[in-house]
Amino acid sequence: MQNILDRILTTLQSERLKNYWDGFNTVAFAIFDDKDVLLFNHPKCKGEQYTKLVKTEEFHACTCILFEEVPTGIVDTTLYNSFEDIYSLLVHESFHVFQHLSGESRYPDEILGFNYPIDFKNIQLRILERKRLFEAFVTTDLKEKQQKINEFITLRDKRTELFPDYVEYENSVETIEGPAYYVEYQALKDVSSNKENVISKYAEQLLDNSLSHINIRSSCYNSGLFICLLLDDILKDWKVEFTKSKLNLYQLFKNAFPNYTPIEISIPNNSKEVFQIINNAKTTKLIAFENFNKTKGIKLTISGAIKLVGFDPMNITQLNTQALHHNFLSMKLMNKEYFIEQPVCTMFENNFRDIQLIELFLNKPPIHMDNQLTIENIGEFKGSIISKESNAIHIVV
């Protein structure tokens, strides 16, 4: 990581961050690989530019964590091939820390996202809405821009009437992640050798109708970004106003466009595409669970009163009362917390966080002594073994 380290020390500076967003300063952040963690701007550095630590389980994925009670943005360098990508992701995650330190409170209810309906009308309107958002951004004709914005707002408000809770979820994700994507985009453009093509990456994600309805949460990152880019065109100092505001990003945008007039929208006959998207979304969920159940190894089932305390909302597939956590989860059982860094399937009845049963696959048999199972890299579980076979174990705790 030496080359990355040298470039970060010279590139990720407060002067640069302030160009991306008003008042944005460097915060505690870290990069890591399979073995080492390089930590910056943290009390643990004791005045040095950075400190080197042995990687522990706290450092997982690209996200924000509380490391020794200090909000810290982290990026896994093994997931990316270029400094440009690592740098822009560090800016993104550092911005989330900046949001937290600024008292941000407009976070989404993630449970709504997992239960987001696969509905024909919503998808049909949402495809057109995202297209109008992009068209409003790219056009340089003022009259056409105003028309496209009018259509975008009309479509968003129509969906709000039909699906208020779920569109509010989208608005909330855009509010948190849109600005983070905005500074990520600014950072990538800043250090990229091909500045003109940077926006195409985000435009493709915005306009991919199939992927936009398989992962609703991540699709809102892109719509939030383009709302931010449009705000650059129509409202001076919007970033300062937004940081202080209680309004979500879409509400701020709508208020910033005083010429808005609801208009009649002609919905194209795209039934074939919409039904294909619906089928793809349902099939993708089913395949995810089928592939999980085909995993090689010893299937471990743990039943009991389990509390979900940490999860990655970007990488969860929910099917009825089952949730497949693709990367990791943290759970509490009998006042003890466990971190499981692998795919885990949870089953619940009413509350997503109140788990009745989890399933995962082990590469090595657990150590079984009396009423206790010891599982490598996870921990110890005490309970009743109600089923034990060569390739499956079920413990009730």
Protein backbone atom coordinates (compact mmCIF):
# COMPACT_ATOMS: atom_id res chain seq x y z
CA MET A 1 0.00 0.00 0.00
CA GLN A 2 3.05 2.28 0.00
CA ASN A 3 2.25 3.91 -3.34
CA ILE A 4 -1.35 4.54 -2.28
CA LEU A 5 -0.13 5.92 1.07
CA ASP A 6 2.22 8.43 -0.58
CA ARG A 7 -0.48 9.72 -2.91
CA ILE A 8 -3.09 9.99 -0.17
CA LEU A 9 -0.74 12.06 2.00
CA THR A 10 -0.28 14.57 -0.82
CA THR A 11 -3.82 14.51 -2.27
CA LEU A 12 -6.40 14.14 0.50
CA GLN A 13 -6.12 17.58 2.05
CA SER A 14 -8.74 19.90 3.58
CA GLU A 15 -8.06 22.55 0.92
CA ARG A 16 -9.14 20.09 -1.73
CA LEU A 17 -12.19 18.84 0.18
CA LYS A 18 -13.50 22.38 0.64
CA ASN A 19 -13.64 22.68 -3.14
CA TYR A 20 -16.01 19.69 -3.22
CA TRP A 21 -18.33 20.88 -0.43
CA ASP A 22 -18.48 23.99 1.78
CA GLY A 23 -16.86 23.38 5.15
CA PHE A 24 -15.77 19.83 4.32
CA ASN A 25 -12.53 19.07 6.19
CA THR A 26 -10.40 15.99 6.63
CA VAL A 27 -11.68 13.57 9.27
CA ALA A 28 -10.46 10.27 10.69
CA PHE A 29 -10.13 7.68 7.93
CA ALA A 30 -8.32 4.45 7.15
CA ILE A 31 -7.29 2.28 4.24
CA PHE A 32 -6.60 -1.40 4.68
CA ASP A 33 -5.79 -4.64 2.91
CA ASP A 34 -5.86 -8.25 4.09
CA LYS A 35 -3.19 -7.66 6.74
CA ASP A 36 -2.63 -4.02 7.58
CA VAL A 37 -4.58 -0.87 8.40
CA LEU A 38 -3.23 2.64 7.79
CA LEU A 39 -5.10 5.07 10.04
CA PHE A 40 -5.12 8.86 9.52
CA ASN A 41 -6.31 11.93 11.50
CA HIS A 42 -7.24 9.81 14.50
CA PRO A 43 -6.22 10.35 18.15
CA LYS A 44 -4.46 6.99 17.94
CA CYS A 45 -1.97 8.58 15.50
CA LYS A 46 -0.63 10.70 18.40
CA GLY A 47 0.35 13.63 16.21
CA GLU A 48 1.89 11.57 13.40
CA GLN A 49 0.52 11.71 9.84
CA TYR A 50 -0.72 8.15 10.18
CA THR A 51 -0.28 4.97 12.19
CA LYS A 52 -0.08 1.36 11.05
CA LEU A 53 -2.25 -1.28 12.75
CA VAL A 54 -2.84 -4.99 12.34
CA LYS A 55 -6.18 -5.53 10.59
CA THR A 56 -9.04 -6.50 12.90
CA GLU A 57 -12.68 -7.35 12.24
CA GLU A 58 -13.82 -3.74 12.63
CA PHE A 59 -12.19 -2.98 9.30
CA HIS A 60 -14.51 -4.53 6.78
CA ALA A 61 -15.89 -3.19 3.46
CA CYS A 62 -16.08 0.51 2.57
CA THR A 63 -18.14 2.32 5.17
CA CYS A 64 -17.99 4.39 8.36
CA ILE A 65 -17.30 2.92 11.76
CA LEU A 66 -16.80 4.09 15.32
CA PHE A 67 -13.17 3.14 15.89
CA GLU A 68 -12.31 3.64 19.54
CA GLU A 69 -15.35 5.95 19.78
CA VAL A 70 -14.18 8.15 16.87
CA PRO A 71 -16.25 8.23 13.63
CA THR A 72 -13.90 6.92 10.94
CA GLY A 73 -14.30 6.40 7.21
CA ILE A 74 -12.74 3.18 5.93
CA VAL A 75 -11.93 1.78 2.48
CA ASP A 76 -10.80 -1.73 1.56
CA THR A 77 -8.05 -1.23 -1.02
CA THR A 78 -8.27 -4.83 -2.22
CA LEU A 79 -11.61 -4.06 -3.87
CA TYR A 80 -10.19 -1.47 -6.30
CA ASN A 81 -7.47 -1.38 -8.93
CA SER A 82 -6.69 2.33 -9.15
CA PHE A 83 -5.71 5.14 -6.82
CA GLU A 84 -8.44 7.30 -8.40
CA ASP A 85 -11.17 4.89 -7.27
CA ILE A 86 -9.69 4.50 -3.79
CA TYR A 87 -9.31 8.25 -3.39
CA SER A 88 -12.87 9.03 -4.51
CA LEU A 89 -14.25 6.34 -2.15
CA LEU A 90 -12.22 7.77 0.73
CA VAL A 91 -13.75 11.18 0.01
CA HIS A 92 -17.22 9.54 -0.10
CA GLU A 93 -16.81 7.76 3.24
CA SER A 94 -15.13 10.78 4.83
CA PHE A 95 -18.14 12.84 3.80
CA HIS A 96 -20.40 10.46 5.72
CA VAL A 97 -18.26 11.15 8.79
CA PHE A 98 -18.58 14.88 8.05
CA GLN A 99 -22.38 14.46 7.87
CA HIS A 100 -22.41 12.68 11.23
CA LEU A 101 -20.24 15.34 12.86
CA SER A 102 -22.49 18.04 11.38
CA GLY A 103 -25.50 16.56 13.20
CA GLU A 104 -27.17 14.93 10.19
CA SER A 105 -30.47 13.29 11.17
CA ARG A 106 -32.31 12.68 7.88
CA TYR A 107 -31.36 9.00 7.62
CA PRO A 108 -33.65 6.48 5.90
CA ASP A 109 -35.60 3.69 7.54
CA GLU A 110 -33.67 0.80 5.99
CA ILE A 111 -36.45 -1.69 6.74
CA LEU A 112 -38.64 0.09 4.17
CA GLY A 113 -35.95 -0.52 1.58
CA PHE A 114 -35.90 -4.26 2.16
CA ASN A 115 -39.68 -4.38 1.75
CA TYR A 116 -39.81 -2.11 -1.28
CA PRO A 117 -42.65 -3.36 -3.54
CA ILE A 118 -42.05 -4.68 -7.05
CA ASP A 119 -45.00 -2.76 -8.53
CA PHE A 120 -45.77 -2.25 -12.23
CA LYS A 121 -47.00 1.35 -11.98
CA ASN A 122 -44.17 2.47 -9.74
CA ILE A 123 -41.54 1.00 -12.05
CA GLN A 124 -43.19 2.48 -15.13
CA LEU A 125 -43.24 5.99 -13.66
CA ARG A 126 -39.80 5.65 -12.08
CA ILE A 127 -38.13 4.73 -15.39
CA LEU A 128 -39.50 7.89 -16.98
CA GLU A 129 -38.70 10.01 -13.92
CA ARG A 130 -35.02 9.02 -13.95
CA LYS A 131 -34.81 9.66 -17.70
CA ARG A 132 -36.26 13.17 -17.28
CA LEU A 133 -33.81 13.88 -14.44
CA PHE A 134 -30.88 13.02 -16.69
CA GLU A 135 -32.29 14.98 -19.62
CA ALA A 136 -32.71 18.03 -17.37
CA PHE A 137 -29.05 17.75 -16.42
CA VAL A 138 -27.59 17.37 -19.91
CA THR A 139 -29.61 19.96 -21.81
CA THR A 140 -28.10 23.42 -22.15
CA ASP A 141 -31.31 25.00 -23.45
CA LEU A 142 -32.92 26.89 -20.54
CA LYS A 143 -36.49 26.41 -21.75
CA GLU A 144 -35.97 22.69 -22.29
CA LYS A 145 -34.27 22.35 -18.89
CA GLN A 146 -37.27 23.95 -17.18
CA GLN A 147 -39.61 21.60 -19.06
CA LYS A 148 -37.64 18.50 -18.07
CA ILE A 149 -37.48 19.59 -14.43
CA ASN A 150 -41.24 20.17 -14.46
CA GLU A 151 -41.75 16.64 -15.75
CA PHE A 152 -39.32 15.16 -13.21
CA ILE A 153 -41.09 16.87 -10.28
CA THR A 154 -44.54 15.92 -11.61
CA LEU A 155 -43.50 12.26 -11.85
CA ARG A 156 -41.89 12.21 -8.40
CA ASP A 157 -44.96 13.81 -6.83
CA LYS A 158 -47.26 11.37 -8.61
CA ARG A 159 -45.30 8.44 -7.22
CA THR A 160 -45.42 10.06 -3.78
CA GLU A 161 -49.23 10.05 -3.96
CA LEU A 162 -49.28 6.38 -4.92
CA PHE A 163 -46.44 5.05 -2.73
CA PRO A 164 -45.80 7.65 0.01
CA ASP A 165 -43.71 5.56 2.40
CA TYR A 166 -41.47 4.05 -0.26
CA VAL A 167 -40.85 7.29 -2.15
CA GLU A 168 -40.04 8.89 1.20
CA TYR A 169 -37.46 6.12 1.64
CA GLU A 170 -35.97 7.04 -1.74
CA ASN A 171 -35.94 10.72 -0.76
CA SER A 172 -34.09 9.88 2.46
CA VAL A 173 -31.47 7.73 0.75
CA GLU A 174 -30.92 10.48 -1.83
CA THR A 175 -30.52 12.97 1.01
CA ILE A 176 -27.70 11.01 2.66
CA GLU A 177 -26.06 9.28 -0.28
CA GLY A 178 -26.67 11.80 -3.07
CA PRO A 179 -24.30 14.41 -1.59
CA ALA A 180 -21.76 11.66 -0.77
CA TYR A 181 -21.90 10.54 -4.41
CA TYR A 182 -21.63 14.20 -5.41
CA VAL A 183 -18.32 14.70 -3.55
CA GLU A 184 -17.14 11.29 -4.78
CA TYR A 185 -17.83 12.44 -8.34
CA GLN A 186 -16.04 15.75 -7.73
CA ALA A 187 -13.05 13.90 -6.29
CA LEU A 188 -12.89 11.39 -9.14
CA LYS A 189 -13.10 14.19 -11.71
CA ASP A 190 -10.41 16.09 -9.80
CA VAL A 191 -7.78 13.34 -10.01
CA SER A 192 -8.87 11.51 -13.18
CA SER A 193 -6.75 11.69 -16.32
CA ASN A 194 -9.95 11.50 -18.39
CA LYS A 195 -12.16 14.10 -16.72
CA GLU A 196 -14.72 14.34 -19.53
CA ASN A 197 -15.79 10.69 -19.23
CA VAL A 198 -16.19 10.55 -15.44
CA ILE A 199 -19.88 11.47 -15.53
CA SER A 200 -20.68 8.63 -17.94
CA LYS A 201 -20.09 6.04 -15.19
CA TYR A 202 -22.83 7.61 -13.03
CA ALA A 203 -25.16 8.26 -15.97
CA GLU A 204 -25.06 4.59 -16.97
CA GLN A 205 -26.03 3.58 -13.44
CA LEU A 206 -28.86 6.12 -13.37
CA LEU A 207 -30.35 4.93 -16.66
CA ASP A 208 -29.93 1.17 -16.28
CA ASN A 209 -33.62 0.35 -15.83
CA SER A 210 -33.10 -3.25 -14.79
CA LEU A 211 -30.39 -2.70 -12.16
CA SER A 212 -32.22 0.38 -10.86
CA HIS A 213 -35.07 -1.85 -9.72
CA ILE A 214 -33.04 -4.78 -8.42
CA ASN A 215 -31.21 -2.64 -5.85
CA ILE A 216 -33.40 0.36 -5.00
CA ARG A 217 -31.04 1.73 -2.39
CA SER A 218 -27.98 2.00 -4.62
CA SER A 219 -30.09 3.38 -7.48
CA CYS A 220 -30.98 6.35 -5.24
CA TYR A 221 -27.28 7.24 -4.97
CA ASN A 222 -27.28 8.17 -8.64
CA SER A 223 -30.58 10.04 -8.68
CA GLY A 224 -29.36 11.95 -5.61
CA LEU A 225 -26.14 12.83 -7.41
CA PHE A 226 -27.95 14.25 -10.44
CA ILE A 227 -30.32 16.26 -8.22
CA CYS A 228 -27.19 17.76 -6.62
CA LEU A 229 -25.72 18.54 -10.04
CA LEU A 230 -28.95 20.26 -11.08
CA LEU A 231 -28.91 22.28 -7.86
CA ASP A 232 -25.49 23.56 -8.93
CA ASP A 233 -27.26 25.08 -11.93
CA ILE A 234 -30.24 26.65 -10.20
CA LEU A 235 -29.35 27.59 -6.60
CA LYS A 236 -26.22 29.38 -5.47
CA ASP A 237 -24.85 28.27 -2.07
CA TRP A 238 -27.31 25.36 -1.96
CA LYS A 239 -24.79 23.18 -0.10
CA VAL A 240 -24.70 25.53 2.88
CA GLU A 241 -28.48 25.76 2.92
CA PHE A 242 -28.83 21.99 2.59
CA THR A 243 -26.45 21.25 5.48
CA LYS A 244 -28.49 23.51 7.77
CA SER A 245 -31.88 22.43 6.44
CA LYS A 246 -34.37 19.90 7.81
CA LEU A 247 -35.73 19.34 4.29
CA ASN A 248 -34.72 16.29 2.33
CA LEU A 249 -32.74 16.77 -0.88
CA TYR A 250 -35.76 16.48 -3.18
CA GLN A 251 -37.80 18.98 -1.14
CA LEU A 252 -34.91 21.46 -1.22
CA PHE A 253 -34.63 20.97 -4.97
CA LYS A 254 -38.35 21.47 -5.56
CA ASN A 255 -38.36 24.61 -3.41
CA ALA A 256 -35.38 25.93 -5.35
CA PHE A 257 -37.33 25.73 -8.61
CA PRO A 258 -40.05 28.42 -8.28
CA ASN A 259 -41.17 28.01 -11.89
CA TYR A 260 -42.51 24.51 -11.26
CA THR A 261 -45.93 23.85 -12.77
CA PRO A 262 -47.57 20.39 -12.71
CA ILE A 263 -48.04 19.11 -16.25
CA GLU A 264 -49.68 16.22 -18.03
CA ILE A 265 -47.26 13.37 -18.62
CA SER A 266 -47.58 10.97 -21.52
CA ILE A 267 -46.55 7.53 -20.27
CA PRO A 268 -44.94 5.41 -23.00
CA ASN A 269 -46.21 1.92 -23.70
CA ASN A 270 -43.33 0.04 -22.12
CA SER A 271 -45.28 -2.83 -20.57
CA LYS A 272 -42.96 -5.47 -22.02
CA GLU A 273 -39.88 -3.84 -20.48
CA VAL A 274 -41.59 -3.34 -17.10
CA PHE A 275 -42.75 -6.95 -16.89
CA GLN A 276 -39.22 -8.06 -17.79
CA ILE A 277 -37.81 -5.90 -14.98
CA ILE A 278 -40.33 -7.38 -12.54
CA ASN A 279 -39.39 -10.92 -13.58
CA ASN A 280 -35.67 -10.10 -13.33
CA ALA A 281 -36.07 -8.63 -9.85
CA LYS A 282 -37.99 -11.65 -8.56
CA THR A 283 -35.64 -14.12 -10.25
CA THR A 284 -32.57 -12.35 -8.87
CA LYS A 285 -33.90 -12.79 -5.33
CA LEU A 286 -34.73 -16.46 -5.84
CA ILE A 287 -31.33 -17.19 -7.39
CA ALA A 288 -29.54 -15.49 -4.48
CA PHE A 289 -31.21 -17.82 -1.97
CA GLU A 290 -30.74 -20.87 -4.20
CA ASN A 291 -27.02 -20.16 -4.54
CA PHE A 292 -26.70 -19.65 -0.79
CA ASN A 293 -28.32 -23.02 -0.11
CA LYS A 294 -25.88 -24.67 -2.54
CA THR A 295 -22.88 -23.40 -0.59
CA LYS A 296 -20.34 -26.11 0.20
CA GLY A 297 -19.55 -26.87 3.82
CA ILE A 298 -21.29 -27.76 7.06
CA LYS A 299 -24.66 -26.06 7.44
CA LEU A 300 -25.00 -24.49 10.89
CA THR A 301 -28.45 -23.48 12.12
CA ILE A 302 -28.80 -21.44 15.31
CA SER A 303 -32.29 -20.90 16.79
CA GLY A 304 -33.22 -18.58 19.62
CA ALA A 305 -33.88 -14.98 20.55
CA ILE A 306 -31.28 -13.24 18.40
CA LYS A 307 -31.00 -9.47 17.96
CA LEU A 308 -29.56 -8.03 14.76
CA VAL A 309 -27.31 -5.11 15.73
CA GLY A 310 -25.27 -4.46 12.58
CA PHE A 311 -25.69 -5.11 8.87
CA ASP A 312 -24.75 -3.82 5.42
CA PRO A 313 -27.92 -2.33 3.84
CA MET A 314 -26.26 -2.30 0.42
CA ASN A 315 -25.87 -6.08 0.37
CA ILE A 316 -29.07 -7.67 1.67
CA THR A 317 -31.65 -9.64 -0.27
CA GLN A 318 -35.02 -10.08 1.43
CA LEU A 319 -37.62 -12.64 0.41
CA ASN A 320 -40.74 -12.62 2.57
CA THR A 321 -39.50 -13.28 6.12
CA GLN A 322 -35.97 -14.30 5.13
CA ALA A 323 -33.01 -11.97 4.70
CA LEU A 324 -29.75 -12.98 3.05
CA HIS A 325 -26.84 -10.90 4.33
CA HIS A 326 -24.28 -11.31 1.57
CA ASN A 327 -21.20 -9.95 3.35
CA PHE A 328 -21.57 -9.84 7.12
CA LEU A 329 -23.76 -9.16 10.12
CA SER A 330 -23.40 -8.43 13.82
CA MET A 331 -25.84 -10.00 16.25
CA LYS A 332 -26.43 -10.14 19.97
CA LEU A 333 -27.29 -13.37 21.72
CA MET A 334 -27.51 -13.85 25.50
CA ASN A 335 -25.93 -10.38 26.02
CA LYS A 336 -22.93 -11.38 23.91
CA GLU A 337 -22.18 -9.85 20.52
CA TYR A 338 -20.99 -11.86 17.53
CA PHE A 339 -19.57 -10.69 14.19
CA ILE A 340 -20.00 -13.08 11.25
CA GLU A 341 -18.01 -12.13 8.16
CA GLN A 342 -19.60 -14.33 5.52
CA PRO A 343 -23.04 -14.88 3.91
CA VAL A 344 -25.72 -15.50 6.54
CA CYS A 345 -29.44 -16.15 6.11
CA THR A 346 -31.73 -14.86 8.85
CA MET A 347 -35.38 -15.70 9.46
CA PHE A 348 -37.78 -13.45 11.37
CA GLU A 349 -41.50 -13.07 11.92
CA ASN A 350 -42.52 -9.43 12.31
CA ASN A 351 -39.40 -7.37 13.01
CA PHE A 352 -36.38 -7.59 10.70
CA ARG A 353 -34.05 -7.12 13.68
CA ASP A 354 -35.67 -9.76 15.89
CA ILE A 355 -34.28 -12.96 14.44
CA GLN A 356 -35.63 -16.41 15.22
CA LEU A 357 -33.06 -18.43 13.30
CA ILE A 358 -29.84 -17.99 11.33
CA GLU A 359 -28.13 -20.28 8.82
CA LEU A 360 -24.56 -20.26 7.56
CA PHE A 361 -22.02 -22.68 6.16
CA LEU A 362 -18.75 -23.62 7.88
CA ASN A 363 -15.54 -24.75 6.22
CA LYS A 364 -14.42 -26.61 9.36
CA PRO A 365 -16.48 -28.62 11.88
CA PRO A 366 -17.10 -26.71 15.12
CA ILE A 367 -15.64 -28.03 18.35
CA HIS A 368 -18.46 -29.67 20.36
CA MET A 369 -18.04 -30.07 24.11
CA ASP A 370 -21.10 -30.85 26.26
CA ASN A 371 -23.66 -28.13 25.45
CA GLN A 372 -21.22 -25.77 23.75
CA LEU A 373 -20.14 -25.19 20.15
CA THR A 374 -16.92 -23.31 19.43
CA ILE A 375 -16.78 -21.95 15.89
CA GLU A 376 -13.54 -20.66 14.42
CA ASN A 377 -13.51 -16.86 13.84
CA ILE A 378 -17.03 -16.49 15.28
CA GLY A 379 -17.11 -17.60 18.92
CA GLU A 380 -18.81 -19.92 21.38
CA PHE A 381 -22.50 -20.81 21.58
CA LYS A 382 -24.11 -22.59 24.51
CA GLY A 383 -27.39 -24.44 24.03
CA SER A 384 -29.06 -27.70 23.13
CA ILE A 385 -27.85 -29.59 20.08
CA ILE A 386 -31.09 -30.89 18.58
CA SER A 387 -29.58 -32.23 15.37
CA LYS A 388 -26.04 -33.20 14.44
CA GLU A 389 -25.01 -34.85 11.19
CA SER A 390 -21.83 -34.92 9.14
CA ASN A 391 -22.91 -31.93 7.05
CA ALA A 392 -25.44 -30.15 9.31
CA ILE A 393 -25.75 -28.99 12.91
CA HIS A 394 -28.71 -27.31 14.60
CA ILE A 395 -28.29 -25.70 18.02
CA VAL A 396 -31.01 -23.99 20.09
CA VAL A 397 -29.67 -21.27 22.37
